[in-house]
C-alpha atoms as a PDB file:
ATOM      1  CA  UNK A   1     126.743 -68.423  87.144  1.00  0.00           C
ATOM      2  CA  UNK A   2     129.551 -69.934  89.159  1.00  0.00           C
ATOM      3  CA  UNK A   3     130.283 -73.655  88.601  1.00  0.00           C
ATOM      4  CA  UNK A   4     131.396 -76.360  91.055  1.00  0.00           C
ATOM      5  CA  UNK A   5     132.679 -79.450  89.373  1.00  0.00           C
ATOM      6  CA  UNK A   6     132.491 -82.604  91.369  1.00  0.00           C
ATOM      7  CA  UNK A   7     134.608 -85.570  90.028  1.00  0.00           C
ATOM      8  CA  UNK A   8     134.716 -89.272  90.727  1.00  0.00           C
ATOM      9  CA  UNK A   9     135.893 -92.358  88.899  1.00  0.00           C
ATOM     10  CA  UNK A  10     132.738 -92.757  86.719  1.00  0.00           C
ATOM     11  CA  UNK A  11     130.942 -89.435  87.051  1.00  0.00           C
ATOM     12  CA  UNK A  12     127.698 -91.111  87.773  1.00  0.00           C
ATOM     13  CA  UNK A  13     127.064 -92.466  91.345  1.00  0.00           C
ATOM     14  CA  UNK A  14     129.225 -90.836  93.933  1.00  0.00           C
ATOM     15  CA  UNK A  15     129.915 -87.549  92.160  1.00  0.00           C
ATOM     16  CA  UNK A  16     126.199 -87.339  91.240  1.00  0.00           C
ATOM     17  CA  UNK A  17     125.235 -87.842  94.795  1.00  0.00           C
ATOM     18  CA  UNK A  18     127.618 -85.151  96.091  1.00  0.00           C
ATOM     19  CA  UNK A  19     126.628 -82.717  93.279  1.00  0.00           C
ATOM     20  CA  UNK A  20     122.908 -83.087  94.209  1.00  0.00           C
ATOM     21  CA  UNK A  21     123.742 -82.579  97.914  1.00  0.00           C
ATOM     22  CA  UNK A  22     125.721 -79.416  97.111  1.00  0.00           C
ATOM     23  CA  UNK A  23     122.926 -78.067  94.877  1.00  0.00           C
ATOM     24  CA  UNK A  24     120.438 -78.613  97.732  1.00  0.00           C
ATOM     25  CA  UNK A  25     122.724 -76.895 100.263  1.00  0.00           C
ATOM     26  CA  UNK A  26     123.308 -73.984  97.716  1.00  0.00           C
ATOM     27  CA  UNK A  27     119.457 -73.733  97.423  1.00  0.00           C
ATOM     28  CA  UNK A  28     119.114 -73.604 101.236  1.00  0.00           C
ATOM     29  CA  UNK A  29     121.533 -70.758 101.280  1.00  0.00           C
ATOM     30  CA  UNK A  30     119.765 -68.699  98.603  1.00  0.00           C
ATOM     31  CA  UNK A  31     122.357 -69.386  95.803  1.00  0.00           C
ATOM     32  CA  UNK A  32     119.972 -70.577  93.133  1.00  0.00           C
ATOM     33  CA  UNK A  33     120.925 -68.917  89.917  1.00  0.00           C
ATOM     34  CA  UNK A  34     124.272 -67.865  91.329  1.00  0.00           C
ATOM     35  CA  UNK A  35     126.027 -71.254  91.495  1.00  0.00           C
ATOM     36  CA  UNK A  36     125.512 -74.873  90.594  1.00  0.00           C
ATOM     37  CA  UNK A  37     127.368 -78.166  91.025  1.00  0.00           C
ATOM     38  CA  UNK A  38     127.830 -80.647  88.175  1.00  0.00           C
ATOM     39  CA  UNK A  39     129.178 -84.136  88.301  1.00  0.00           C
ATOM     40  CA  UNK A  40     131.843 -85.394  85.969  1.00  0.00           C
ATOM     41  CA  UNK A  41     134.186 -88.422  85.580  1.00  0.00           C
ATOM     42  CA  UNK A  42     137.701 -87.815  86.644  1.00  0.00           C
ATOM     43  CA  UNK A  43     138.971 -88.601  83.019  1.00  0.00           C
ATOM     44  CA  UNK A  44     137.105 -85.508  81.803  1.00  0.00           C
ATOM     45  CA  UNK A  45     138.771 -83.095  84.214  1.00  0.00           C
ATOM     46  CA  UNK A  46     140.997 -81.518  81.619  1.00  0.00           C
ATOM     47  CA  UNK A  47     137.981 -80.605  79.539  1.00  0.00           C
ATOM     48  CA  UNK A  48     135.884 -79.395  82.400  1.00  0.00           C
ATOM     49  CA  UNK A  49     138.283 -77.573  84.697  1.00  0.00           C
ATOM     50  CA  UNK A  50     138.430 -74.415  82.439  1.00  0.00           C
ATOM     51  CA  UNK A  51     134.771 -73.611  83.099  1.00  0.00           C
ATOM     52  CA  UNK A  52     134.933 -74.426  86.911  1.00  0.00           C
ATOM     53  CA  UNK A  53     135.266 -72.020  89.770  1.00  0.00           C
ATOM     54  CA  UNK A  54     135.585 -74.727  92.394  1.00  0.00           C
ATOM     55  CA  UNK A  55     136.730 -78.371  92.121  1.00  0.00           C
ATOM     56  CA  UNK A  56     135.553 -81.183  94.462  1.00  0.00           C
ATOM     57  CA  UNK A  57     137.300 -84.487  94.219  1.00  0.00           C
ATOM     58  CA  UNK A  58     135.909 -87.800  95.421  1.00  0.00           C
ATOM     59  CA  UNK A  59     139.028 -89.577  94.139  1.00  0.00           C
ATOM     60  CA  UNK A  60     141.778 -89.216  96.832  1.00  0.00           C
ATOM     61  CA  UNK A  61     144.446 -90.556  94.557  1.00  0.00           C
ATOM     62  CA  UNK A  62     143.928 -87.994  91.878  1.00  0.00           C
ATOM     63  CA  UNK A  63     146.882 -85.618  91.345  1.00  0.00           C
ATOM     64  CA  UNK A  64     145.621 -82.061  92.185  1.00  0.00           C
ATOM     65  CA  UNK A  65     148.913 -80.308  91.464  1.00  0.00           C
ATOM     66  CA  UNK A  66     147.776 -79.014  88.078  1.00  0.00           C
ATOM     67  CA  UNK A  67     144.365 -77.828  89.259  1.00  0.00           C
ATOM     68  CA  UNK A  68     144.675 -74.096  89.607  1.00  0.00           C
ATOM     69  CA  UNK A  69     141.248 -73.302  91.283  1.00  0.00           C
ATOM     70  CA  UNK A  70     140.071 -73.890  94.841  1.00  0.00           C
ATOM     71  CA  UNK A  71     139.935 -77.617  95.456  1.00  0.00           C
ATOM     72  CA  UNK A  72     138.101 -79.607  98.184  1.00  0.00           C
ATOM     73  CA  UNK A  73     137.394 -83.139  99.235  1.00  0.00           C
ATOM     74  CA  UNK A  74     134.001 -84.401  98.552  1.00  0.00           C
ATOM     75  CA  UNK A  75     134.101 -86.882 101.485  1.00  0.00           C
ATOM     76  CA  UNK A  76     132.373 -84.456 103.975  1.00  0.00           C
ATOM     77  CA  UNK A  77     129.336 -84.425 101.723  1.00  0.00           C
ATOM     78  CA  UNK A  78     129.129 -88.242 101.916  1.00  0.00           C
ATOM     79  CA  UNK A  79     129.616 -88.456 105.725  1.00  0.00           C
ATOM     80  CA  UNK A  80     127.996 -85.163 106.776  1.00  0.00           C
ATOM     81  CA  UNK A  81     130.947 -84.370 108.879  1.00  0.00           C
ATOM     82  CA  UNK A  82     132.362 -80.877 107.983  1.00  0.00           C
ATOM     83  CA  UNK A  83     129.991 -80.248 105.119  1.00  0.00           C
ATOM     84  CA  UNK A  84     128.706 -76.996 106.629  1.00  0.00           C
ATOM     85  CA  UNK A  85     132.190 -75.615 107.004  1.00  0.00           C
ATOM     86  CA  UNK A  86     132.971 -76.431 103.446  1.00  0.00           C
ATOM     87  CA  UNK A  87     129.741 -74.801 102.305  1.00  0.00           C
ATOM     88  CA  UNK A  88     130.689 -71.633 104.191  1.00  0.00           C
ATOM     89  CA  UNK A  89     133.974 -71.649 102.279  1.00  0.00           C
ATOM     90  CA  UNK A  90     132.148 -72.211  98.978  1.00  0.00           C
ATOM     91  CA  UNK A  91     129.834 -69.209  99.663  1.00  0.00           C
ATOM     92  CA  UNK A  92     132.793 -67.094 100.448  1.00  0.00           C
ATOM     93  CA  UNK A  93     134.457 -67.937  97.178  1.00  0.00           C
ATOM     94  CA  UNK A  94     131.335 -67.742  95.081  1.00  0.00           C
END
């Protein structure tokens, strides 16, 4: 199963909301059992990134230069603007 890691400052509120939204959108696209999104706090990124296929950051100040997998902003999943385009990219990568 492919894994999408969603990170914010605490790993609870914002990243949890975005991970749930991504999981619902994956379900709508028939991707249940093929991919899932998990929320983490940004301090755990070094531990979690090795098992991730896609990284979604809610923290715009986080340095992504060391992340070697496809990375996306999580803001479209909060605003609804551009989320379908990102989901299309996710499906293409997964």
